[in-house]
């Protein structure tokens, strides 16, 4: 298994895309550090399944990220995946929601990266991967904070790639379209309210309307690409933004 001896931290990895990535990394031998909220019993099951460590932390606060990184120890593979969403017209967008989304979806990735890089530089190898979104490349109405944060993640990834290019470290992001995860499912009621649509209309006319394949992306598809980016064959893939969106951003 080619990730034997590598320690991988995946933020927001107790469900959805993050959990799929953690499972895929563990399957290749990585020592996985889980992070995220959930029921204690369910997290214990995941720890046993993946032989993983779990660290809970408030990633909307700088100190929370610093605590996470301090407890996690030296990290070889950093996957910045934690995220949240809120859907609202800009004039009604709660400022506290803007602050929380920017902090979790964008600022936490800066803080984890700055704290992980010194060890990666010392050993001359590292992988920084961000779960971005099709919204890192295009916009949708009513998602001002999310779109701003994901565009920021794409930009941060490019900067990291350039700064670390001669250090044996790569930085890339993966931009899925709509993946059937709790994050997507939980935004349906807000979209129903903001657009005065039924659940079925949101599913068919809003979400899958964006994806030419008319299929949700599967978390395991994102995870497979994340694992590939850790391979030696991917050492010259740097600063890239990979779309997995059924053709959405090809328009």
Protein backbone atom coordinates (compact mmCIF):
# COMPACT_ATOMS: atom_id res chain seq x y z
CA UNK A 1 0.00 0.00 0.00
CA UNK A 2 1.65 3.15 -1.22
CA UNK A 3 0.59 5.41 1.66
CA UNK A 4 2.17 3.25 4.37
CA UNK A 5 3.99 5.52 6.80
CA UNK A 6 2.07 8.63 5.72
CA UNK A 7 -0.14 10.52 8.17
CA UNK A 8 -3.23 12.07 6.60
CA UNK A 9 -5.49 14.65 8.20
CA UNK A 10 -8.90 15.05 6.57
CA UNK A 11 -11.00 17.87 8.01
CA UNK A 12 -14.75 17.38 8.07
CA UNK A 13 -14.30 13.65 7.70
CA UNK A 14 -17.04 12.13 9.86
CA UNK A 15 -19.49 12.11 6.93
CA UNK A 16 -19.87 12.81 3.23
CA UNK A 17 -16.92 13.50 0.95
CA UNK A 18 -14.46 13.76 3.83
CA UNK A 19 -15.34 10.32 5.15
CA UNK A 20 -15.00 8.82 1.67
CA UNK A 21 -11.54 10.38 1.34
CA UNK A 22 -10.52 9.16 4.79
CA UNK A 23 -11.63 5.63 3.91
CA UNK A 24 -9.76 5.70 0.61
CA UNK A 25 -6.58 6.99 2.27
CA UNK A 26 -6.81 4.35 5.00
CA UNK A 27 -7.30 1.64 2.38
CA UNK A 28 -3.91 2.62 0.94
CA UNK A 29 -2.22 2.36 4.32
CA UNK A 30 -2.32 5.95 5.55
CA UNK A 31 -2.51 6.69 9.26
CA UNK A 32 -5.70 8.75 9.21
CA UNK A 33 -6.70 11.58 11.52
CA UNK A 34 -10.44 12.18 11.44
CA UNK A 35 -12.00 15.52 12.30
CA UNK A 36 -15.61 16.54 12.52
CA UNK A 37 -18.77 16.47 14.57
CA UNK A 38 -21.09 13.55 15.18
CA UNK A 39 -22.49 11.16 17.74
CA UNK A 40 -19.81 9.72 20.00
CA UNK A 41 -20.87 6.15 19.25
CA UNK A 42 -20.80 6.66 15.49
CA UNK A 43 -17.37 8.28 15.66
CA UNK A 44 -16.10 5.38 17.77
CA UNK A 45 -17.26 2.99 15.05
CA UNK A 46 -15.38 5.01 12.42
CA UNK A 47 -12.23 5.07 14.54
CA UNK A 48 -12.35 1.30 14.85
CA UNK A 49 -13.12 0.79 11.17
CA UNK A 50 -10.25 2.96 9.95
CA UNK A 51 -7.89 2.41 12.88
CA UNK A 52 -7.91 6.19 13.02
CA UNK A 53 -7.58 9.01 15.50
CA UNK A 54 -10.43 11.49 15.87
CA UNK A 55 -9.90 15.09 16.96
CA UNK A 56 -12.84 17.39 17.51
CA UNK A 57 -12.15 21.09 17.03
CA UNK A 58 -13.92 24.34 16.23
CA UNK A 59 -12.39 25.18 12.86
CA UNK A 60 -14.20 28.51 12.68
CA UNK A 61 -11.71 29.80 15.28
CA UNK A 62 -7.97 30.16 14.76
CA UNK A 63 -7.29 28.62 18.15
CA UNK A 64 -9.46 25.65 17.26
CA UNK A 65 -7.39 24.99 14.14
CA UNK A 66 -4.17 25.41 16.09
CA UNK A 67 -5.41 22.93 18.70
CA UNK A 68 -6.30 20.44 15.96
CA UNK A 69 -2.91 20.70 14.32
CA UNK A 70 -1.10 20.46 17.64
CA UNK A 71 -2.94 17.28 18.59
CA UNK A 72 -2.63 15.76 15.12
CA UNK A 73 1.15 15.96 15.06
CA UNK A 74 3.26 16.03 11.87
CA UNK A 75 1.03 15.72 8.81
CA UNK A 76 2.18 14.38 5.44
CA UNK A 77 -1.16 14.67 3.62
CA UNK A 78 -3.53 17.52 4.42
CA UNK A 79 -7.04 17.42 3.00
CA UNK A 80 -8.96 20.63 3.66
CA UNK A 81 -12.50 19.42 3.28
CA UNK A 82 -14.58 20.92 6.12
CA UNK A 83 -17.37 23.15 4.92
CA UNK A 84 -20.81 24.54 5.52
CA UNK A 85 -23.46 26.26 3.44
CA UNK A 86 -26.22 28.84 3.77
CA UNK A 87 -28.57 29.95 1.02
CA UNK A 88 -30.07 33.46 1.12
CA UNK A 89 -30.35 36.62 -0.99
CA UNK A 90 -27.40 38.90 -0.31
CA UNK A 91 -29.51 41.63 1.28
CA UNK A 92 -30.91 39.11 3.77
CA UNK A 93 -27.73 37.09 4.25
CA UNK A 94 -27.03 36.96 8.00
CA UNK A 95 -23.61 38.50 8.67
CA UNK A 96 -22.87 35.85 11.27
CA UNK A 97 -23.44 33.16 8.60
CA UNK A 98 -21.05 34.95 6.23
CA UNK A 99 -18.39 35.08 8.94
CA UNK A 100 -18.83 31.41 9.86
CA UNK A 101 -18.71 30.17 6.25
CA UNK A 102 -15.62 32.21 5.38
CA UNK A 103 -13.94 31.05 8.60
CA UNK A 104 -14.68 27.35 8.10
CA UNK A 105 -14.55 27.00 4.33
CA UNK A 106 -11.57 29.28 3.67
CA UNK A 107 -9.67 30.59 6.68
CA UNK A 108 -9.33 27.17 8.31
CA UNK A 109 -7.58 25.90 5.17
CA UNK A 110 -5.05 28.72 5.42
CA UNK A 111 -4.36 27.94 9.06
CA UNK A 112 -4.03 24.17 8.61
CA UNK A 113 -1.75 24.72 5.62
CA UNK A 114 0.57 27.19 7.34
CA UNK A 115 0.94 24.78 10.26
CA UNK A 116 1.44 21.66 8.14
CA UNK A 117 3.98 23.08 5.70
CA UNK A 118 7.07 23.22 7.97
CA UNK A 119 7.06 19.44 8.53
CA UNK A 120 6.41 18.79 4.84
CA UNK A 121 9.34 21.01 3.90
CA UNK A 122 11.62 19.27 6.39
CA UNK A 123 10.92 15.85 4.91
CA UNK A 124 10.81 17.07 1.32
CA UNK A 125 7.39 15.58 0.60
CA UNK A 126 3.81 16.63 1.14
CA UNK A 127 0.37 16.79 -0.38
CA UNK A 128 -2.16 19.55 0.24
CA UNK A 129 -5.57 18.86 -1.27
CA UNK A 130 -8.67 21.01 -0.96
CA UNK A 131 -12.23 20.00 -1.58
CA UNK A 132 -13.35 23.05 -3.51
CA UNK A 133 -16.52 23.02 -5.60
CA UNK A 134 -17.85 23.85 -9.02
CA UNK A 135 -18.51 27.12 -7.21
CA UNK A 136 -14.77 27.74 -7.19
CA UNK A 137 -15.15 28.26 -10.95
CA UNK A 138 -18.64 29.63 -11.38
CA UNK A 139 -21.40 31.18 -9.29
CA UNK A 140 -25.01 30.52 -8.35
CA UNK A 141 -27.52 32.94 -6.87
CA UNK A 142 -28.07 33.13 -3.10
CA UNK A 143 -24.70 31.59 -2.19
CA UNK A 144 -22.53 34.66 -1.73
CA UNK A 145 -20.42 33.38 1.17
CA UNK A 146 -19.96 29.87 -0.20
CA UNK A 147 -19.00 31.04 -3.69
CA UNK A 148 -16.61 33.63 -2.28
CA UNK A 149 -14.97 31.05 -0.02
CA UNK A 150 -14.59 28.45 -2.77
CA UNK A 151 -13.11 30.98 -5.19
CA UNK A 152 -10.72 31.82 -2.36
CA UNK A 153 -9.77 28.17 -1.90
CA UNK A 154 -8.86 27.94 -5.59
CA UNK A 155 -6.68 31.02 -5.26
CA UNK A 156 -5.03 29.83 -2.06
CA UNK A 157 -4.23 26.51 -3.74
CA UNK A 158 -2.45 28.28 -6.60
CA UNK A 159 -0.36 30.35 -4.18
CA UNK A 160 0.63 27.28 -2.17
CA UNK A 161 1.54 25.44 -5.36
CA UNK A 162 3.86 28.22 -6.48
CA UNK A 163 5.47 28.77 -3.09
CA UNK A 164 6.11 25.08 -2.44
CA UNK A 165 6.94 23.91 -5.96
CA UNK A 166 10.61 23.20 -5.23
CA UNK A 167 9.96 21.60 -1.83
CA UNK A 168 8.51 18.27 -2.96
CA UNK A 169 5.04 19.46 -1.95
CA UNK A 170 2.04 19.78 -4.25
CA UNK A 171 -1.18 21.68 -3.72
CA UNK A 172 -4.29 20.95 -5.74
CA UNK A 173 -8.02 21.24 -5.38
CA UNK A 174 -10.92 19.09 -6.48
CA UNK A 175 -14.11 20.82 -7.53
CA UNK A 176 -17.12 18.51 -7.47
CA UNK A 177 -20.52 19.45 -8.71
CA UNK A 178 -23.46 18.33 -6.63
CA UNK A 179 -22.51 15.32 -4.53
CA UNK A 180 -25.22 13.56 -2.60
CA UNK A 181 -24.01 14.39 0.91
CA UNK A 182 -25.59 15.88 4.04
CA UNK A 183 -24.32 19.32 2.94
CA UNK A 184 -26.31 19.16 -0.29
CA UNK A 185 -29.34 17.53 1.27
CA UNK A 186 -29.49 20.10 4.06
CA UNK A 187 -29.51 23.07 1.68
CA UNK A 188 -32.63 21.85 -0.11
CA UNK A 189 -35.11 23.38 2.40
CA UNK A 190 -33.39 26.80 2.17
CA UNK A 191 -33.49 26.65 -1.61
CA UNK A 192 -37.15 25.65 -1.51
CA UNK A 193 -37.87 28.72 0.61
CA UNK A 194 -35.72 31.21 -1.27
CA UNK A 195 -37.00 30.15 -4.70
CA UNK A 196 -40.54 29.05 -3.74
CA UNK A 197 -40.05 25.57 -5.16
CA UNK A 198 -41.01 22.04 -4.15
CA UNK A 199 -38.38 19.52 -3.08
CA UNK A 200 -38.68 17.71 -6.41
CA UNK A 201 -38.25 20.96 -8.32
CA UNK A 202 -35.11 21.79 -6.35
CA UNK A 203 -33.69 18.33 -7.04
CA UNK A 204 -34.44 18.27 -10.77
CA UNK A 205 -34.59 21.91 -11.84
CA UNK A 206 -31.94 23.48 -9.59
CA UNK A 207 -29.40 20.88 -8.52
CA UNK A 208 -29.20 18.38 -11.37
CA UNK A 209 -30.09 21.06 -13.90
CA UNK A 210 -26.48 22.19 -13.59
CA UNK A 211 -25.00 18.78 -14.40
CA UNK A 212 -25.33 17.61 -17.99
CA UNK A 213 -25.07 13.97 -16.92
CA UNK A 214 -28.13 14.43 -14.67
CA UNK A 215 -26.38 12.37 -12.02
CA UNK A 216 -25.06 13.28 -8.59
CA UNK A 217 -21.32 12.89 -8.15
CA UNK A 218 -20.48 10.06 -5.77
CA UNK A 219 -18.18 10.76 -2.78
CA UNK A 220 -16.02 7.78 -3.78
CA UNK A 221 -15.25 9.45 -7.12
CA UNK A 222 -13.82 12.48 -5.32
CA UNK A 223 -11.91 10.21 -2.95
CA UNK A 224 -10.32 8.27 -5.81
CA UNK A 225 -8.91 11.46 -7.31
CA UNK A 226 -7.63 12.64 -3.92
CA UNK A 227 -5.74 9.37 -3.50
CA UNK A 228 -4.28 9.59 -7.01
CA UNK A 229 -2.94 13.08 -6.26
CA UNK A 230 -0.86 11.51 -3.48
CA UNK A 231 0.91 9.12 -5.83
CA UNK A 232 4.45 9.73 -7.10
CA UNK A 233 2.99 9.75 -10.61
CA UNK A 234 1.15 12.94 -9.61
CA UNK A 235 4.24 14.82 -8.45
CA UNK A 236 4.01 17.29 -11.35
CA UNK A 237 0.32 17.93 -10.90
CA UNK A 238 0.50 21.16 -8.97
CA UNK A 239 -1.84 24.13 -8.66
CA UNK A 240 -4.57 22.32 -10.57
CA UNK A 241 -8.30 22.57 -10.06
CA UNK A 242 -9.98 19.32 -11.09
CA UNK A 243 -13.66 19.46 -11.99
CA UNK A 244 -15.83 16.44 -11.23
CA UNK A 245 -19.17 17.93 -12.16
CA UNK A 246 -20.65 15.96 -15.05
CA UNK A 247 -19.73 18.78 -17.43
CA UNK A 248 -21.35 21.64 -15.48
CA UNK A 249 -18.40 24.05 -15.79
CA UNK A 250 -17.71 23.05 -19.41
CA UNK A 251 -20.40 25.47 -20.53
